[in-house]
């Protein structure tokens, strides 16, 4: 188990980081301390903002970009809707079949004649054409755990000048992600980064920063947020901060120490460890290995019987789109693999 795994308790039998991550002890302690301080009449808004800014910096390290290229928010759908403002009227957006709705519906309902077309994830790069304005896709599919062919998608998009939006919510935390490869990366931190729900990030390339409009701008998008609280004559930040949504303070209190743990960890070690556990589980259960390694394992379970057996045995797993789903994270080990496989009869 990587050193970061020891920051968690209660991970045994928990195979659902793809649904929601477990809070590390440092996050638990930070949240409790903040609640106690607030209940005693000592809430500290300046400290909340500092936690949000440290979180932005940690995420920048996690995805190999600069903090000035990162906007903060609370939900991926809102951040994807912000990306939609960069598209011209009548634009064609290409998405993967069955992708998570939070990065599809903002374009479906964007209006202005924007059209959404889809293709199977494995064929997404080949489906990019000269009329494609934006390719929006998840790096790792939520329902299947399938990992996108990032190199092929980026190359095909660049060849026609299409923008790229990558949802890395199911990737960052176990899979290295280089945000500089894409025009936009959205990521909610409550899954593999083990933060409280309500902390999300959007990276924007210089090109996208020029094209997008700060339609959700509020006081926190100001160049100096604490002097941008009133009126309409507000100077927005020159960096990607002008796209910020006002942070959910208490969520960032818990997120900041969790993000620091993952930013300090060896990303390649986490990738090797989690995908090795997943590969071992597939081998024991006779599930084919995927083209690209994934920490998420799914298989057909239309009646939910396999999921019910796992849950009855005290294993926390999940089911999506007629499939049973397990995920292996830094707090899991070979014992989790053996137990889950045994429960399924392998």
Protein backbone atom coordinates (compact mmCIF):
# COMPACT_ATOMS: atom_id res chain seq x y z
CA UNK A 1 0.00 0.00 0.00
CA UNK A 2 1.36 3.48 -0.85
CA UNK A 3 2.17 5.71 2.13
CA UNK A 4 -0.88 7.86 1.39
CA UNK A 5 -3.08 4.83 2.05
CA UNK A 6 -2.25 5.01 5.74
CA UNK A 7 -3.93 8.43 5.93
CA UNK A 8 -7.31 6.67 5.73
CA UNK A 9 -9.24 4.44 8.11
CA UNK A 10 -12.21 2.26 7.23
CA UNK A 11 -11.03 1.43 3.71
CA UNK A 12 -11.24 -2.35 4.08
CA UNK A 13 -14.11 -3.63 1.95
CA UNK A 14 -14.80 -0.17 0.55
CA UNK A 15 -14.68 -0.57 -3.24
CA UNK A 16 -16.59 2.53 -4.25
CA UNK A 17 -14.20 5.45 -4.67
CA UNK A 18 -15.79 5.85 -8.10
CA UNK A 19 -18.99 6.81 -6.25
CA UNK A 20 -17.53 8.85 -3.41
CA UNK A 21 -14.12 8.87 -1.79
CA UNK A 22 -13.41 8.31 1.87
CA UNK A 23 -12.20 11.36 3.81
CA UNK A 24 -8.65 11.06 5.13
CA UNK A 25 -8.13 11.65 8.82
CA UNK A 26 -6.66 15.11 8.20
CA UNK A 27 -9.85 16.20 6.43
CA UNK A 28 -12.01 14.82 9.21
CA UNK A 29 -9.96 16.70 11.79
CA UNK A 30 -10.04 19.95 9.81
CA UNK A 31 -13.81 19.84 9.36
CA UNK A 32 -14.46 19.05 13.02
CA UNK A 33 -12.14 21.84 14.15
CA UNK A 34 -13.88 24.32 11.86
CA UNK A 35 -17.37 23.32 13.03
CA UNK A 36 -16.32 23.61 16.66
CA UNK A 37 -14.78 27.04 16.03
CA UNK A 38 -17.86 28.27 14.19
CA UNK A 39 -20.18 26.91 16.88
CA UNK A 40 -18.12 28.82 19.43
CA UNK A 41 -18.65 32.06 17.54
CA UNK A 42 -15.30 32.08 15.70
CA UNK A 43 -15.94 31.42 11.98
CA UNK A 44 -13.07 32.75 9.87
CA UNK A 45 -14.00 33.75 6.29
CA UNK A 46 -10.44 34.82 5.49
CA UNK A 47 -9.20 31.36 6.48
CA UNK A 48 -11.88 29.82 4.25
CA UNK A 49 -10.63 31.81 1.27
CA UNK A 50 -7.06 30.82 2.08
CA UNK A 51 -8.11 27.15 2.07
CA UNK A 52 -9.73 27.63 -1.33
CA UNK A 53 -6.58 29.22 -2.75
CA UNK A 54 -4.35 26.49 -1.35
CA UNK A 55 -6.73 23.94 -2.89
CA UNK A 56 -6.38 25.64 -6.26
CA UNK A 57 -2.60 25.41 -5.97
CA UNK A 58 -2.71 21.74 -4.95
CA UNK A 59 -4.93 20.89 -7.91
CA UNK A 60 -2.56 22.75 -10.24
CA UNK A 61 0.23 20.44 -9.11
CA UNK A 62 -2.01 17.40 -9.54
CA UNK A 63 -2.74 18.16 -13.19
CA UNK A 64 0.60 19.74 -14.14
CA UNK A 65 -0.57 23.27 -14.84
CA UNK A 66 -0.39 26.74 -13.32
CA UNK A 67 -2.86 27.94 -10.70
CA UNK A 68 -3.62 30.99 -12.88
CA UNK A 69 -5.21 28.59 -15.40
CA UNK A 70 -7.67 27.15 -12.86
CA UNK A 71 -11.17 28.28 -11.92
CA UNK A 72 -12.95 26.86 -8.90
CA UNK A 73 -16.58 25.87 -8.58
CA UNK A 74 -18.93 23.40 -6.98
CA UNK A 75 -20.33 21.25 -9.82
CA UNK A 76 -18.94 19.94 -13.10
CA UNK A 77 -22.16 20.72 -14.97
CA UNK A 78 -21.83 24.42 -14.15
CA UNK A 79 -18.22 24.44 -15.28
CA UNK A 80 -19.10 22.61 -18.50
CA UNK A 81 -21.84 25.19 -19.12
CA UNK A 82 -19.20 27.88 -18.81
CA UNK A 83 -17.16 26.15 -21.53
CA UNK A 84 -20.28 26.20 -23.72
CA UNK A 85 -20.14 30.02 -23.74
CA UNK A 86 -16.95 29.80 -25.84
CA UNK A 87 -18.78 28.11 -28.73
CA UNK A 88 -20.20 30.02 -31.68
CA UNK A 89 -23.87 29.78 -32.59
CA UNK A 90 -24.61 26.60 -34.53
CA UNK A 91 -21.51 24.81 -33.26
CA UNK A 92 -21.26 21.01 -33.35
CA UNK A 93 -20.17 19.28 -30.15
CA UNK A 94 -19.02 15.66 -30.19
CA UNK A 95 -19.53 13.52 -27.06
CA UNK A 96 -19.04 9.86 -26.22
CA UNK A 97 -22.06 7.57 -26.22
CA UNK A 98 -23.45 7.16 -22.71
CA UNK A 99 -21.06 9.63 -21.12
CA UNK A 100 -21.88 11.22 -17.77
CA UNK A 101 -24.76 13.63 -18.19
CA UNK A 102 -23.07 16.53 -16.39
CA UNK A 103 -20.73 17.09 -19.34
CA UNK A 104 -23.31 16.37 -22.02
CA UNK A 105 -26.51 18.13 -20.95
CA UNK A 106 -24.93 21.62 -20.66
CA UNK A 107 -24.32 21.45 -24.42
CA UNK A 108 -27.64 19.77 -25.26
CA UNK A 109 -29.45 22.68 -23.57
CA UNK A 110 -27.05 25.46 -24.51
CA UNK A 111 -29.38 26.79 -27.20
CA UNK A 112 -28.05 29.06 -29.96
CA UNK A 113 -28.34 26.21 -32.45
CA UNK A 114 -25.58 24.15 -30.81
CA UNK A 115 -25.85 20.49 -31.85
CA UNK A 116 -24.59 17.49 -29.89
CA UNK A 117 -23.53 14.37 -31.73
CA UNK A 118 -22.20 11.17 -30.16
CA UNK A 119 -19.97 8.25 -31.04
CA UNK A 120 -18.68 5.20 -29.15
CA UNK A 121 -15.74 6.13 -26.93
CA UNK A 122 -13.41 3.77 -28.79
CA UNK A 123 -14.32 5.54 -32.06
CA UNK A 124 -14.42 9.09 -30.75
CA UNK A 125 -11.16 10.21 -32.36
CA UNK A 126 -12.28 8.87 -35.75
CA UNK A 127 -15.62 10.70 -35.44
CA UNK A 128 -13.95 14.13 -35.15
CA UNK A 129 -14.43 16.06 -38.37
CA UNK A 130 -13.91 19.53 -39.79
CA UNK A 131 -17.32 20.61 -38.47
CA UNK A 132 -16.50 19.60 -34.88
CA UNK A 133 -16.10 22.69 -32.70
CA UNK A 134 -15.61 20.87 -29.40
CA UNK A 135 -14.96 17.30 -28.25
CA UNK A 136 -16.30 16.71 -24.71
CA UNK A 137 -15.54 13.38 -23.05
CA UNK A 138 -14.59 11.70 -19.78
CA UNK A 139 -11.03 10.47 -19.41
CA UNK A 140 -12.51 7.45 -17.64
CA UNK A 141 -16.10 6.40 -18.20
CA UNK A 142 -18.17 6.33 -15.02
CA UNK A 143 -20.42 3.41 -16.00
CA UNK A 144 -17.78 1.08 -17.46
CA UNK A 145 -14.38 2.25 -16.22
CA UNK A 146 -13.16 2.43 -19.83
CA UNK A 147 -10.19 4.75 -20.29
CA UNK A 148 -10.31 7.05 -23.31
CA UNK A 149 -7.56 6.97 -25.94
CA UNK A 150 -6.38 10.45 -24.97
CA UNK A 151 -3.52 10.65 -27.46
CA UNK A 152 -5.74 9.82 -30.43
CA UNK A 153 -8.48 12.26 -29.37
CA UNK A 154 -6.05 15.13 -28.81
CA UNK A 155 -4.33 14.52 -32.16
CA UNK A 156 -7.60 14.35 -34.09
CA UNK A 157 -8.97 17.48 -32.43
CA UNK A 158 -5.78 19.43 -33.11
CA UNK A 159 -5.88 18.42 -36.77
CA UNK A 160 -9.20 20.25 -37.27
CA UNK A 161 -8.76 22.98 -34.66
CA UNK A 162 -11.48 21.64 -32.35
CA UNK A 163 -11.54 22.53 -28.67
CA UNK A 164 -11.21 19.70 -26.14
CA UNK A 165 -13.04 19.30 -22.82
CA UNK A 166 -11.91 16.39 -20.67
CA UNK A 167 -13.84 15.38 -17.55
CA UNK A 168 -11.17 13.97 -15.24
CA UNK A 169 -13.45 13.35 -12.25
CA UNK A 170 -12.99 9.58 -12.52
CA UNK A 171 -9.26 9.87 -13.19
CA UNK A 172 -7.40 12.41 -11.05
CA UNK A 173 -6.35 10.69 -7.85
CA UNK A 174 -5.34 7.37 -9.40
CA UNK A 175 -4.39 8.24 -12.98
CA UNK A 176 -1.86 10.93 -13.99
CA UNK A 177 -3.54 13.74 -15.94
CA UNK A 178 -1.73 16.55 -17.75
CA UNK A 179 -4.26 19.36 -18.12
CA UNK A 180 -2.04 21.28 -20.52
CA UNK A 181 -2.98 18.78 -23.24
CA UNK A 182 -6.60 19.97 -23.29
CA UNK A 183 -8.40 23.27 -23.67
CA UNK A 184 -10.44 22.46 -20.58
CA UNK A 185 -10.39 19.90 -17.81
CA UNK A 186 -13.23 19.64 -15.31
CA UNK A 187 -12.89 17.63 -12.13
CA UNK A 188 -15.09 17.21 -9.09
CA UNK A 189 -12.87 16.28 -6.14
CA UNK A 190 -15.30 14.20 -4.07
CA UNK A 191 -14.46 10.88 -5.72
CA UNK A 192 -10.85 9.79 -6.18
CA UNK A 193 -9.46 12.91 -4.48
CA UNK A 194 -11.48 12.12 -1.35
CA UNK A 195 -12.66 15.69 -0.75
CA UNK A 196 -16.11 16.77 0.46
CA UNK A 197 -18.73 17.22 -2.24
CA UNK A 198 -18.88 20.82 -3.44
CA UNK A 199 -15.28 21.29 -4.62
CA UNK A 200 -14.72 21.27 -8.38
CA UNK A 201 -12.09 22.68 -10.70
CA UNK A 202 -11.88 23.86 -14.30
CA UNK A 203 -8.62 24.36 -16.13
CA UNK A 204 -8.72 26.67 -19.14
CA UNK A 205 -6.14 27.01 -21.88
CA UNK A 206 -5.17 30.55 -22.95
CA UNK A 207 -7.30 30.02 -26.07
CA UNK A 208 -10.36 29.08 -24.06
CA UNK A 209 -9.84 31.91 -21.59
CA UNK A 210 -10.07 34.33 -24.51
CA UNK A 211 -13.24 32.73 -25.90
CA UNK A 212 -15.26 31.91 -22.77
CA UNK A 213 -17.48 34.43 -21.00
CA UNK A 214 -17.60 34.73 -17.19
CA UNK A 215 -21.37 34.34 -17.05
CA UNK A 216 -21.31 33.10 -13.46
CA UNK A 217 -19.12 35.92 -12.19
CA UNK A 218 -19.76 36.99 -8.62
CA UNK A 219 -17.77 38.68 -5.92
CA UNK A 220 -15.12 35.95 -5.88
CA UNK A 221 -14.35 36.47 -9.58
CA UNK A 222 -13.10 39.98 -8.86
CA UNK A 223 -9.46 40.92 -9.08
CA UNK A 224 -9.67 41.60 -5.33
CA UNK A 225 -12.67 39.55 -4.13
CA UNK A 226 -13.03 41.34 -0.83
CA UNK A 227 -13.42 44.69 -2.58
CA UNK A 228 -15.71 43.27 -5.30
CA UNK A 229 -18.76 42.65 -3.15
CA UNK A 230 -21.01 45.46 -4.38
CA UNK A 231 -22.09 47.17 -7.55
CA UNK A 232 -21.53 46.58 -11.23
CA UNK A 233 -18.22 48.39 -11.74
CA UNK A 234 -16.06 45.45 -10.72
CA UNK A 235 -12.73 44.58 -12.29
CA UNK A 236 -12.59 40.84 -12.84
CA UNK A 237 -9.37 38.89 -12.30
CA UNK A 238 -7.03 38.77 -15.28
CA UNK A 239 -6.39 35.05 -14.75
CA UNK A 240 -8.81 32.13 -14.90
CA UNK A 241 -10.05 33.28 -11.50
CA UNK A 242 -12.51 35.52 -13.33
CA UNK A 243 -14.45 32.33 -14.04
CA UNK A 244 -14.61 31.35 -10.35
CA UNK A 245 -17.86 30.46 -8.66
CA UNK A 246 -17.91 31.56 -5.03
CA UNK A 247 -16.39 28.67 -3.04
CA UNK A 248 -18.38 26.48 -0.67
CA UNK A 249 -16.26 27.43 2.32
CA UNK A 250 -16.64 24.44 4.62
CA UNK A 251 -16.16 22.02 1.72
CA UNK A 252 -12.80 23.60 0.94
CA UNK A 253 -11.78 23.31 4.60
CA UNK A 254 -12.01 19.54 4.23
CA UNK A 255 -10.76 19.43 0.65
CA UNK A 256 -7.50 21.31 1.14
CA UNK A 257 -5.70 18.70 3.29
CA UNK A 258 -6.99 15.84 1.10
CA UNK A 259 -5.77 17.57 -2.07
CA UNK A 260 -2.41 18.21 -0.42
CA UNK A 261 -2.04 14.48 0.30
CA UNK A 262 -2.61 13.55 -3.33
CA UNK A 263 -0.53 16.41 -4.72
CA UNK A 264 2.40 15.28 -2.57
CA UNK A 265 2.03 11.61 -3.55
CA UNK A 266 3.83 9.89 -6.43
CA UNK A 267 1.18 9.84 -9.17
CA UNK A 268 2.83 6.98 -11.03
CA UNK A 269 2.97 4.89 -7.86
CA UNK A 270 -0.76 5.44 -7.29
CA UNK A 271 -1.51 4.47 -10.89
CA UNK A 272 0.57 1.31 -10.73
CA UNK A 273 -0.88 0.28 -7.36
CA UNK A 274 -4.56 0.82 -8.13
CA UNK A 275 -4.48 -0.67 -11.62
CA UNK A 276 -2.52 -3.68 -10.33
CA UNK A 277 -5.25 -4.42 -7.79
CA UNK A 278 -7.94 -4.03 -10.46
CA UNK A 279 -6.04 -6.27 -12.89
CA UNK A 280 -5.68 -8.92 -10.19
CA UNK A 281 -9.42 -8.85 -9.53
CA UNK A 282 -10.19 -9.18 -13.25
CA UNK A 283 -7.82 -12.13 -13.55
CA UNK A 284 -9.37 -13.96 -10.58
CA UNK A 285 -12.90 -13.40 -11.87
CA UNK A 286 -12.22 -14.11 -15.53
CA UNK A 287 -12.99 -10.56 -16.62
CA UNK A 288 -11.02 -9.52 -19.75
CA UNK A 289 -8.27 -6.95 -19.22
CA UNK A 290 -9.06 -3.61 -20.92
CA UNK A 291 -7.03 -2.03 -23.70
CA UNK A 292 -5.87 0.63 -21.23
CA UNK A 293 -5.55 -0.18 -17.51
CA UNK A 294 -8.28 1.12 -15.23
CA UNK A 295 -8.82 1.16 -11.47
CA UNK A 296 -12.56 0.65 -12.09
CA UNK A 297 -13.84 -2.83 -12.90
CA UNK A 298 -17.36 -3.44 -14.22
CA UNK A 299 -19.22 -6.44 -15.56
CA UNK A 300 -22.72 -7.25 -16.75
CA UNK A 301 -25.13 -7.63 -13.83
CA UNK A 302 -28.59 -6.87 -15.25
CA UNK A 303 -30.51 -8.35 -12.31
CA UNK A 304 -28.22 -6.82 -9.66
CA UNK A 305 -27.54 -10.22 -8.12
CA UNK A 306 -23.76 -9.83 -8.02
CA UNK A 307 -24.03 -6.38 -6.47
CA UNK A 308 -26.45 -7.72 -3.86
CA UNK A 309 -24.00 -10.52 -2.96
CA UNK A 310 -21.17 -8.05 -2.49
CA UNK A 311 -23.29 -5.78 -0.31
CA UNK A 312 -24.56 -8.71 1.76
CA UNK A 313 -20.95 -9.66 2.47
CA UNK A 314 -20.22 -6.18 3.82
CA UNK A 315 -18.48 -4.89 0.69
CA UNK A 316 -19.39 -1.40 -0.48
CA UNK A 317 -19.76 -1.52 -4.27
CA UNK A 318 -22.07 0.10 -6.80
CA UNK A 319 -24.06 -0.59 -9.93
CA UNK A 320 -24.46 1.53 -13.03
CA UNK A 321 -26.27 1.01 -16.34
CA UNK A 322 -26.93 -2.68 -15.72
CA UNK A 323 -23.39 -3.39 -14.59
CA UNK A 324 -21.82 -4.13 -11.22
CA UNK A 325 -18.92 -1.82 -10.41
CA UNK A 326 -15.96 -1.96 -8.02
CA UNK A 327 -13.06 0.45 -7.70
CA UNK A 328 -9.65 0.00 -6.13
CA UNK A 329 -8.02 2.98 -4.45
CA UNK A 330 -5.05 3.74 -2.22
CA UNK A 331 -6.82 2.49 0.92
CA UNK A 332 -7.50 -0.94 -0.61
CA UNK A 333 -5.20 -3.95 -0.71
CA UNK A 334 -4.94 -7.54 -1.92
CA UNK A 335 -7.31 -8.62 0.85
CA UNK A 336 -10.09 -6.59 -0.76
CA UNK A 337 -9.40 -8.29 -4.08
CA UNK A 338 -9.53 -11.74 -2.52
CA UNK A 339 -12.70 -11.07 -0.51
CA UNK A 340 -14.67 -9.61 -3.40
CA UNK A 341 -13.63 -12.41 -5.74
CA UNK A 342 -14.51 -15.07 -3.16
CA UNK A 343 -17.96 -13.56 -2.59
CA UNK A 344 -18.58 -13.84 -6.35
CA UNK A 345 -17.49 -17.48 -6.32
CA UNK A 346 -13.96 -17.14 -7.68
